[in-house]
Protein backbone atom coordinates (compact mmCIF):
# COMPACT_ATOMS: atom_id res chain seq x y z
CA UNK A 1 0.00 0.00 0.00
CA UNK A 2 2.81 2.36 0.72
CA UNK A 3 4.20 1.89 -2.86
CA UNK A 4 0.87 2.80 -4.48
CA UNK A 5 0.58 5.92 -2.36
CA UNK A 6 4.05 7.06 -3.52
CA UNK A 7 3.23 6.58 -7.24
CA UNK A 8 -0.03 8.52 -7.13
CA UNK A 9 1.58 11.97 -6.75
CA UNK A 10 3.89 11.18 -9.66
CA UNK A 11 0.92 10.41 -11.93
CA UNK A 12 -0.78 13.61 -10.88
CA UNK A 13 2.35 15.60 -11.63
CA UNK A 14 2.73 13.97 -15.02
CA UNK A 15 -0.89 14.71 -15.83
CA UNK A 16 -0.45 18.33 -14.84
CA UNK A 17 2.66 18.57 -17.02
CA UNK A 18 0.74 17.19 -20.01
CA UNK A 19 -2.08 19.69 -19.45
CA UNK A 20 0.45 22.53 -19.14
CA UNK A 21 2.21 21.54 -22.38
CA UNK A 22 -1.12 21.33 -24.22
CA UNK A 23 -2.13 24.79 -22.98
CA UNK A 24 1.19 26.25 -24.08
CA UNK A 25 0.68 24.73 -27.50
CA UNK A 26 -2.76 26.35 -27.87
CA UNK A 27 -1.33 29.72 -26.83
CA UNK A 28 1.44 29.46 -29.43
CA UNK A 29 -1.02 28.61 -32.20
CA UNK A 30 -3.39 31.41 -31.17
CA UNK A 31 -0.52 33.91 -31.01
CA UNK A 32 0.67 32.80 -34.45
CA UNK A 33 -2.84 33.29 -35.89
CA UNK A 34 -3.04 36.70 -34.28
CA UNK A 35 0.26 37.73 -35.87
CA UNK A 36 -0.98 36.47 -39.24
CA UNK A 37 -4.12 38.59 -38.90
CA UNK A 38 -2.07 41.64 -37.97
CA UNK A 39 0.19 41.06 -40.95
CA UNK A 40 -2.83 40.77 -43.23
CA UNK A 41 -4.27 43.98 -41.83
CA UNK A 42 -0.93 45.73 -42.33
CA UNK A 43 -0.66 44.43 -45.88
CA UNK A 44 -4.18 45.69 -46.58
CA UNK A 45 -3.30 49.08 -45.10
CA UNK A 46 -0.11 49.34 -47.19
CA UNK A 47 -2.06 48.36 -50.31
CA UNK A 48 -4.68 50.99 -49.52
CA UNK A 49 -1.97 53.62 -49.04
CA UNK A 50 -0.38 52.62 -52.36
CA UNK A 51 -3.73 52.99 -54.13
CA UNK A 52 -4.15 56.46 -52.68
CA UNK A 53 -0.62 57.42 -53.74
CA UNK A 54 -1.29 56.13 -57.25
CA UNK A 55 -4.46 58.19 -57.44
CA UNK A 56 -2.50 61.30 -56.47
CA UNK A 57 0.22 60.63 -59.02
CA UNK A 58 -2.36 60.04 -61.75
CA UNK A 59 -4.11 63.25 -60.84
CA UNK A 60 -0.90 65.28 -60.89
CA UNK A 61 0.35 63.78 -64.14
CA UNK A 62 -2.95 64.17 -66.00
CA UNK A 63 -3.02 66.74 -68.85
CA UNK A 64 -3.63 70.36 -67.96
CA UNK A 65 -6.84 72.08 -68.94
CA UNK A 66 -7.25 72.58 -72.67
CA UNK A 67 -8.85 75.69 -74.11
CA UNK A 68 -11.08 75.68 -77.16
CA UNK A 69 -10.34 78.53 -79.53
CA UNK A 70 -12.70 79.39 -82.39
CA UNK A 71 -10.86 81.04 -85.30
CA UNK A 72 -13.03 82.92 -87.76
CA UNK A 73 -11.43 83.88 -91.11
CA UNK A 74 -13.48 86.92 -92.11
CA UNK A 75 -15.45 87.16 -95.37
CA UNK A 76 -15.16 84.31 -97.90
CA UNK A 77 -16.96 83.02 -100.98
CA UNK A 78 -19.24 85.64 -102.47
CA UNK A 79 -17.98 88.19 -99.92
CA UNK A 80 -14.35 88.92 -100.92
CA UNK A 81 -13.80 91.72 -98.44
CA UNK A 82 -11.48 94.59 -99.33
CA UNK A 83 -8.96 94.59 -102.16
CA UNK A 84 -5.29 95.20 -101.48
CA UNK A 85 -2.71 97.12 -103.48
CA UNK A 86 -1.70 93.90 -105.24
CA UNK A 87 -5.27 93.20 -106.33
CA UNK A 88 -5.61 90.25 -103.90
CA UNK A 89 -8.72 90.08 -101.76
CA UNK A 90 -8.92 90.27 -98.01
CA UNK A 91 -10.72 86.92 -97.76
CA UNK A 92 -7.58 85.19 -99.02
CA UNK A 93 -5.34 86.80 -96.40
CA UNK A 94 -7.85 86.11 -93.63
CA UNK A 95 -8.02 82.39 -94.43
CA UNK A 96 -4.26 82.08 -94.87
CA UNK A 97 -3.44 83.69 -91.52
CA UNK A 98 -6.23 81.78 -89.77
CA UNK A 99 -4.71 78.51 -90.98
CA UNK A 100 -1.31 79.49 -89.58
CA UNK A 101 -2.91 80.39 -86.24
CA UNK A 102 -4.71 77.04 -86.28
CA UNK A 103 -1.43 75.18 -86.81
CA UNK A 104 0.31 77.04 -83.98
CA UNK A 105 -2.57 76.32 -81.60
CA UNK A 106 -2.85 72.69 -82.67
CA UNK A 107 0.85 72.12 -81.89
CA UNK A 108 0.29 73.26 -78.30
CA UNK A 109 -1.48 70.77 -75.97
CA UNK A 110 -2.94 73.75 -74.14
CA UNK A 111 -5.29 74.44 -77.06
CA UNK A 112 -7.98 72.79 -79.14
CA UNK A 113 -8.55 75.01 -82.19
CA UNK A 114 -11.56 75.16 -84.49
CA UNK A 115 -12.19 77.15 -87.68
CA UNK A 116 -15.53 78.54 -88.81
CA UNK A 117 -14.46 78.02 -92.43
CA UNK A 118 -11.60 76.06 -93.95
CA UNK A 119 -12.02 77.07 -97.59
CA UNK A 120 -13.37 79.85 -99.76
CA UNK A 121 -17.01 79.83 -98.68
CA UNK A 122 -19.37 82.43 -97.30
CA UNK A 123 -20.86 81.91 -93.84
CA UNK A 124 -23.47 84.22 -92.35
CA UNK A 125 -22.15 86.39 -89.52
CA UNK A 126 -24.65 85.12 -86.95
CA UNK A 127 -23.80 81.53 -87.93
CA UNK A 128 -20.12 82.11 -87.18
CA UNK A 129 -20.84 83.11 -83.59
CA UNK A 130 -23.43 80.33 -83.30
CA UNK A 131 -20.78 77.78 -84.31
CA UNK A 132 -18.43 79.05 -81.59
CA UNK A 133 -21.27 78.96 -79.05
CA UNK A 134 -22.27 75.40 -79.99
CA UNK A 135 -18.67 74.32 -79.69
CA UNK A 136 -18.40 75.87 -76.20
CA UNK A 137 -15.32 77.82 -77.22
CA UNK A 138 -13.32 79.64 -74.55
CA UNK A 139 -12.51 82.47 -76.96
CA UNK A 140 -13.41 83.61 -80.47
CA UNK A 141 -10.99 85.52 -82.67
CA UNK A 142 -12.14 86.86 -86.03
CA UNK A 143 -9.29 87.59 -88.47
CA UNK A 144 -9.51 90.59 -90.83
CA UNK A 145 -7.35 93.12 -92.66
CA UNK A 146 -8.02 96.83 -92.98
CA UNK A 147 -8.20 99.24 -95.94
CA UNK A 148 -8.36 102.99 -96.36
CA UNK A 149 -8.40 105.47 -99.22
CA UNK A 150 -5.17 106.99 -97.94
CA UNK A 151 -2.45 104.46 -98.71
CA UNK A 152 -0.12 105.90 -96.08
CA UNK A 153 -2.37 104.74 -93.23
CA UNK A 154 -0.96 101.73 -91.39
CA UNK A 155 -1.31 99.83 -88.14
CA UNK A 156 -3.05 97.16 -86.11
CA UNK A 157 -6.28 97.49 -84.15
CA UNK A 158 -8.43 95.08 -82.17
CA UNK A 159 -12.20 95.43 -81.81
CA UNK A 160 -14.44 94.10 -79.06
CA UNK A 161 -18.16 94.36 -78.43
CA UNK A 162 -18.84 93.50 -74.77
CA UNK A 163 -16.92 94.58 -71.67
CA UNK A 164 -16.13 90.94 -70.91
CA UNK A 165 -13.96 90.89 -74.04
CA UNK A 166 -12.04 94.08 -73.37
CA UNK A 167 -9.16 92.41 -71.49
CA UNK A 168 -8.68 89.91 -74.32
CA UNK A 169 -8.60 92.76 -76.85
CA UNK A 170 -6.04 94.72 -74.82
CA UNK A 171 -3.67 91.76 -74.38
CA UNK A 172 -3.80 90.61 -78.00
CA UNK A 173 -3.36 94.19 -79.23
CA UNK A 174 -0.29 94.60 -77.02
CA UNK A 175 1.30 91.38 -78.26
CA UNK A 176 0.60 92.21 -81.90
CA UNK A 177 2.15 95.66 -81.71
CA UNK A 178 5.16 94.46 -79.72
CA UNK A 179 5.87 91.21 -81.59
CA UNK A 180 4.58 92.09 -85.05
CA UNK A 181 5.90 95.63 -85.00
CA UNK A 182 3.10 97.57 -86.71
CA UNK A 183 1.70 100.88 -85.54
CA UNK A 184 -0.55 100.59 -82.49
CA UNK A 185 -4.00 101.89 -83.41
CA UNK A 186 -5.43 100.71 -80.09
CA UNK A 187 -8.58 98.81 -79.23
CA UNK A 188 -12.11 99.90 -80.14
CA UNK A 189 -15.56 98.96 -78.91
CA UNK A 190 -17.92 98.56 -81.84
CA UNK A 191 -21.20 96.81 -82.61
CA UNK A 192 -19.80 94.05 -84.78
CA UNK A 193 -22.46 91.43 -85.52
CA UNK A 194 -20.04 88.50 -85.35
CA UNK A 195 -19.07 89.60 -81.83
CA UNK A 196 -22.48 90.60 -80.49
CA UNK A 197 -23.99 87.11 -80.13
CA UNK A 198 -20.84 85.32 -78.97
CA UNK A 199 -21.21 83.84 -75.47
CA UNK A 200 -17.49 83.89 -74.79
CA UNK A 201 -14.76 86.57 -74.94
CA UNK A 202 -14.60 87.54 -78.61
CA UNK A 203 -12.49 89.99 -80.60
CA UNK A 204 -12.10 91.02 -84.22
CA UNK A 205 -8.50 91.71 -85.22
CA UNK A 206 -7.69 94.12 -88.04
CA UNK A 207 -4.11 92.90 -88.41
CA UNK A 208 -2.91 95.56 -90.84
CA UNK A 209 -3.70 97.64 -93.95
CA UNK A 210 -3.82 95.96 -97.34
CA UNK A 211 -3.99 99.39 -98.98
CA UNK A 212 -0.45 100.17 -97.82
CA UNK A 213 2.00 98.42 -100.18
CA UNK A 214 4.69 97.75 -97.58
CA UNK A 215 2.24 96.53 -94.98
CA UNK A 216 0.36 94.32 -97.47
CA UNK A 217 3.64 92.68 -98.49
CA UNK A 218 4.37 91.85 -94.83
CA UNK A 219 0.82 90.59 -94.21
CA UNK A 220 0.88 88.27 -97.21
CA UNK A 221 4.37 86.88 -96.55
CA UNK A 222 4.86 83.57 -94.72
CA UNK A 223 7.27 85.24 -92.27
CA UNK A 224 4.79 88.02 -91.52
CA UNK A 225 1.95 85.57 -90.97
CA UNK A 226 4.06 83.45 -88.62
CA UNK A 227 4.94 86.55 -86.61
CA UNK A 228 1.29 87.64 -86.45
CA UNK A 229 0.05 84.14 -85.59
CA UNK A 230 2.54 83.71 -82.75
CA UNK A 231 1.74 87.16 -81.39
CA UNK A 232 -1.98 86.35 -81.33
CA UNK A 233 -1.39 82.95 -79.69
CA UNK A 234 0.91 84.49 -77.07
CA UNK A 235 -1.82 87.00 -76.33
CA UNK A 236 -4.36 84.20 -75.92
CA UNK A 237 -2.03 82.35 -73.55
CA UNK A 238 -1.46 85.39 -71.36
CA UNK A 239 -5.16 86.19 -71.23
CA UNK A 240 -6.24 82.63 -70.37
CA UNK A 241 -3.57 82.25 -67.69
CA UNK A 242 -4.66 85.51 -66.10
CA UNK A 243 -8.27 84.35 -66.14
CA UNK A 244 -7.26 81.03 -64.60
CA UNK A 245 -5.29 82.78 -61.84
CA UNK A 246 -8.23 85.04 -61.01
CA UNK A 247 -10.58 82.05 -60.86
CA UNK A 248 -8.17 80.08 -58.64
CA UNK A 249 -6.69 82.48 -56.05
CA UNK A 250 -4.72 79.66 -54.40
């Protein structure tokens, strides 16, 4: 009997050790699962942060705002406009310069140009503005050349109809006189039909005088038209950037 009594405590101790080992094992497994869950949560958080970063990068690298510019070559078709010293008609110069302006704008991702006519055709004045309105243009520029009975008269002038177009007229006029080099005849507010119904800033540019031999030669030359086109586009850029800055004070 004494031997059995001595073995009993040993069995109890062994049983307790087994229970202790089993409990430790459960704790290890549970802890391991917990760490796995934490790792999964962390991975999900990192993935979420990466998605947000990608969204920000995409937003920053997306193209800047583009501006739609309606270019209106004055006259055309049955309406030849004025006749220059050389005998060439104004409608030809208007279309030629408008095409150069179109090409300069098209080469710049900032712009999306549109022309009211691309060949020798006549379009009603109200239809020209209606086309720009339907296209939701940000600006309308109508290209013309001037004439006068006195062949010594020269210079550039820009015409606007509504007060909302005055700033555009001032900036384009400044660029034309500075970059193109012709006499500054200033800006004028007149009731031009093509400008009256436009729903966006709109100006009519009398680039120079076809009745002055020297000025007509410059206006009809490829070099002169490139100078005039770049001056007009630079004026558009300055005006639109100023408008953007005033709309976004930050």
